[in-house]
Amino acid sequence: MAPRKGKQKEEQPVVALGPQALDGENVFGVAHIYASFNDTFVHVTDLSGRETIARVTGGMKVKADRDEASPYAAMLAAQDVAEKCKAVGITALHIKLRATGGTRTKTPGPGAQSALRALARSDMKIGRIEDVTPIPSDSTRRDEASPYAAMLAAQDVAEKSKAVGITALHIKLRATGGTSTKTPGPGAQSALRALARSD
């Protein structure tokens, strides 16, 4: 019997979206993790940084605004990114971790560690881990009376004391006094706490 002349199924070639690689060879991307105290961004690009492969934020994964920077939201975002990377054929990631930086805090937000751990647990190989938090080469003068500045000064004093062999300190706390205020400034408590914590 002759074949029917109707529509015949044409075999369509399978299109691979990712880079060409041999079996068992790692294909690297770069995961830019920006963790502030308001949100966590997990952004994967190719090695040049020009082509975005996946970008998911903590805010895309939770409904409440207060949960955007949470470790749970960061974990969900990282898992989502890992799935998209695998679909494209990326098997390994270099990590670039960034806090807000500049004149603001240089400490990564609460989602940084969770995002990194989630990427590692989702069978993505981790290459190098790099901190790319921007550090100002020059900026406006820092407020010398702030508790933060007092804490830094106290830590500096503690380090220098240890270096010369001083192991204990007698502390005399003094406010401006005289006809001015007799209440210690805002940095007094921070300085005392920093000295106590520095062993």
Protein backbone atom coordinates (compact mmCIF):
# COMPACT_ATOMS: atom_id res chain seq x y z
CA MET A 1 0.00 0.00 0.00
CA ALA A 2 1.31 3.42 -0.96
CA PRO A 3 2.08 5.93 1.81
CA ARG A 4 -0.57 8.57 2.44
CA LYS A 5 0.09 11.99 0.97
CA GLY A 6 -1.18 13.84 4.04
CA LYS A 7 0.90 15.80 6.52
CA GLN A 8 4.08 14.01 7.43
CA LYS A 9 5.84 14.74 10.71
CA GLU A 10 9.17 16.41 10.19
CA GLU A 11 11.84 15.71 12.77
CA GLN A 12 12.93 19.00 14.28
CA PRO A 13 16.53 19.21 15.51
CA VAL A 14 17.05 19.71 19.25
CA VAL A 15 18.40 23.21 19.88
CA ALA A 16 20.87 23.55 22.77
CA LEU A 17 20.65 26.99 24.37
CA GLY A 18 23.86 26.83 26.40
CA PRO A 19 27.53 26.86 25.42
CA GLN A 20 29.07 23.86 23.67
CA ALA A 21 30.95 21.67 26.16
CA LEU A 22 32.29 18.14 26.40
CA ASP A 23 30.74 15.60 28.77
CA GLY A 24 31.99 16.11 32.32
CA GLU A 25 33.42 19.55 31.55
CA ASN A 26 32.35 22.41 33.82
CA VAL A 27 30.74 25.43 32.18
CA PHE A 28 31.23 28.51 34.35
CA GLY A 29 29.01 31.52 34.91
CA VAL A 30 29.32 34.40 37.40
CA ALA A 31 26.79 34.79 40.24
CA HIS A 32 26.59 38.40 41.42
CA ILE A 33 24.98 38.31 44.89
CA TYR A 34 24.00 41.77 46.15
CA ALA A 35 22.79 41.49 49.75
CA SER A 36 21.53 44.69 51.36
CA PHE A 37 19.31 44.95 54.43
CA ASN A 38 16.30 45.68 52.18
CA ASP A 39 16.58 42.94 49.53
CA THR A 40 18.85 40.25 48.07
CA PHE A 41 19.64 40.04 44.34
CA VAL A 42 21.03 36.86 42.76
CA HIS A 43 22.13 37.72 39.21
CA VAL A 44 23.95 35.17 37.03
CA THR A 45 25.83 36.31 33.91
CA ASP A 46 28.34 34.74 31.55
CA LEU A 47 32.05 35.15 32.32
CA SER A 48 32.22 38.52 30.55
CA GLY A 49 29.30 39.88 32.59
CA ARG A 50 27.53 41.15 29.47
CA GLU A 51 24.90 38.45 29.02
CA THR A 52 22.33 37.92 31.79
CA ILE A 53 21.35 34.28 32.24
CA ALA A 54 19.04 34.65 35.24
CA ARG A 55 18.19 37.32 37.78
CA VAL A 56 15.91 36.73 40.75
CA THR A 57 15.43 38.84 43.88
CA GLY A 58 14.15 37.99 47.32
CA GLY A 59 11.24 40.36 46.75
CA MET A 60 10.06 38.23 43.80
CA LYS A 61 9.72 35.21 46.11
CA VAL A 62 7.84 36.60 49.13
CA LYS A 63 4.75 38.74 49.52
CA ALA A 64 5.57 40.77 52.64
CA ASP A 65 7.95 43.71 52.18
CA ARG A 66 9.69 43.00 55.48
CA ASP A 67 10.68 39.50 54.26
CA GLU A 68 12.48 40.62 51.08
CA ALA A 69 15.93 40.59 52.71
CA SER A 70 15.31 37.45 54.78
CA PRO A 71 17.53 34.36 54.45
CA TYR A 72 14.49 32.33 53.35
CA ALA A 73 13.73 34.65 50.42
CA ALA A 74 17.41 34.61 49.40
CA MET A 75 17.42 30.80 49.49
CA LEU A 76 14.35 30.59 47.23
CA ALA A 77 15.86 33.12 44.81
CA ALA A 78 19.14 31.18 44.63
CA GLN A 79 17.35 27.86 44.04
CA ASP A 80 15.35 29.43 41.20
CA VAL A 81 18.52 30.83 39.63
CA ALA A 82 20.27 27.45 39.91
CA GLU A 83 17.42 25.74 38.02
CA LYS A 84 17.60 28.31 35.22
CA CYS A 85 21.39 27.87 35.00
CA LYS A 86 21.07 24.10 34.69
CA ALA A 87 18.48 24.50 31.92
CA VAL A 88 20.98 26.55 29.92
CA GLY A 89 23.87 24.18 30.65
CA ILE A 90 25.86 26.12 33.26
CA THR A 91 27.26 23.71 35.85
CA ALA A 92 29.66 25.88 37.88
CA LEU A 93 29.66 29.43 39.23
CA HIS A 94 32.18 32.01 40.35
CA ILE A 95 30.64 34.09 43.17
CA LYS A 96 30.90 37.88 43.46
CA LEU A 97 29.43 38.96 46.79
CA ARG A 98 28.53 42.60 47.36
CA ALA A 99 27.16 44.65 50.25
CA THR A 100 25.80 48.20 49.90
CA GLY A 101 29.26 49.69 50.43
CA GLY A 102 30.36 53.21 49.64
CA THR A 103 29.63 55.50 52.59
CA ARG A 104 27.04 52.99 53.84
CA THR A 105 27.53 49.61 55.50
CA LYS A 106 30.16 47.23 54.16
CA THR A 107 28.54 44.25 55.89
CA PRO A 108 26.45 42.00 53.59
CA GLY A 109 22.77 41.62 54.49
CA PRO A 110 21.18 38.54 56.08
CA GLY A 111 20.48 36.88 52.71
CA ALA A 112 24.09 36.59 51.51
CA GLN A 113 25.06 33.44 53.35
CA SER A 114 21.75 31.69 52.59
CA ALA A 115 21.98 32.46 48.87
CA LEU A 116 25.54 31.13 48.70
CA ARG A 117 24.64 27.98 50.62
CA ALA A 118 21.57 27.36 48.43
CA LEU A 119 23.67 27.61 45.25
CA ALA A 120 26.20 25.13 46.64
CA ARG A 121 23.49 22.67 47.71
CA SER A 122 21.75 22.70 44.34
CA ASP A 123 24.62 20.74 42.70
CA MET A 124 26.31 23.84 41.30
CA LYS A 125 30.08 23.69 41.58
CA ILE A 126 31.56 26.82 43.20
CA GLY A 127 34.72 28.35 41.75
CA ARG A 128 36.22 31.39 43.44
CA ILE A 129 34.36 33.57 45.93
CA GLU A 130 35.15 37.27 45.76
CA ASP A 131 33.98 40.28 47.79
CA VAL A 132 33.30 43.18 45.42
CA THR A 133 31.79 45.64 47.93
CA PRO A 134 32.65 49.17 46.74
CA ILE A 135 35.04 50.99 49.06
CA PRO A 136 35.33 54.78 48.70
CA SER A 137 38.79 56.15 47.99
CA ASP A 138 37.64 59.44 49.50
CA SER A 139 34.37 60.69 50.95
CA THR A 140 32.83 63.27 53.23
CA ARG A 141 34.13 63.47 56.80
CA ARG A 142 32.66 60.87 59.10
CA ASP A 143 30.74 62.05 62.17
CA GLU A 144 33.35 61.81 64.93
CA ALA A 145 30.77 61.73 67.73
CA SER A 146 28.82 58.77 66.38
CA PRO A 147 28.73 55.50 68.34
CA TYR A 148 30.20 53.72 65.32
CA ALA A 149 33.25 56.03 65.24
CA ALA A 150 33.72 55.58 69.00
CA MET A 151 33.58 51.79 68.60
CA LEU A 152 36.23 51.89 65.85
CA ALA A 153 38.46 54.11 67.99
CA ALA A 154 38.10 51.73 70.96
CA GLN A 155 38.94 48.70 68.81
CA ASP A 156 42.02 50.53 67.54
CA VAL A 157 43.12 51.30 71.13
CA ALA A 158 42.58 47.65 72.13
CA GLU A 159 44.69 46.36 69.22
CA LYS A 160 47.53 48.79 69.97
CA SER A 161 47.40 47.89 73.68
CA LYS A 162 47.70 44.18 72.89
CA ALA A 163 50.60 44.88 70.54
CA VAL A 164 52.65 46.43 73.37
CA GLY A 165 51.67 43.73 75.89
CA ILE A 166 48.92 45.48 77.90
CA THR A 167 46.37 42.87 79.00
CA ALA A 168 44.06 44.89 81.32
CA LEU A 169 42.71 48.45 81.36
CA HIS A 170 41.35 50.77 84.05
CA ILE A 171 38.66 52.91 82.39
CA LYS A 172 37.84 56.47 83.45
CA LEU A 173 34.66 57.74 81.82
CA ARG A 174 34.36 61.52 81.46
CA ALA A 175 31.69 63.81 80.02
CA THR A 176 32.28 67.44 79.05
CA GLY A 177 31.39 68.58 82.58
CA GLY A 178 32.01 72.03 84.00
CA THR A 179 29.15 74.33 83.05
CA SER A 180 28.31 72.08 80.07
CA THR A 181 26.53 68.73 80.11
CA LYS A 182 27.52 66.09 82.65
CA THR A 183 26.05 63.25 80.54
CA PRO A 184 28.50 61.18 78.46
CA GLY A 185 28.05 61.41 74.70
CA PRO A 186 26.49 58.74 72.44
CA GLY A 187 29.82 57.03 71.80
CA ALA A 188 30.65 56.23 75.44
CA GLN A 189 28.58 53.05 75.66
CA SER A 190 29.79 51.78 72.27
CA ALA A 191 33.42 52.39 73.21
CA LEU A 192 33.03 50.55 76.54
CA ARG A 193 31.31 47.62 74.85
CA ALA A 194 34.01 47.41 72.16
CA LEU A 195 36.78 47.39 74.79
CA ALA A 196 35.00 44.69 76.82
CA ARG A 197 34.55 42.47 73.75
CA SER A 198 38.17 42.74 72.65
CA ASP A 199 39.33 40.21 75.30
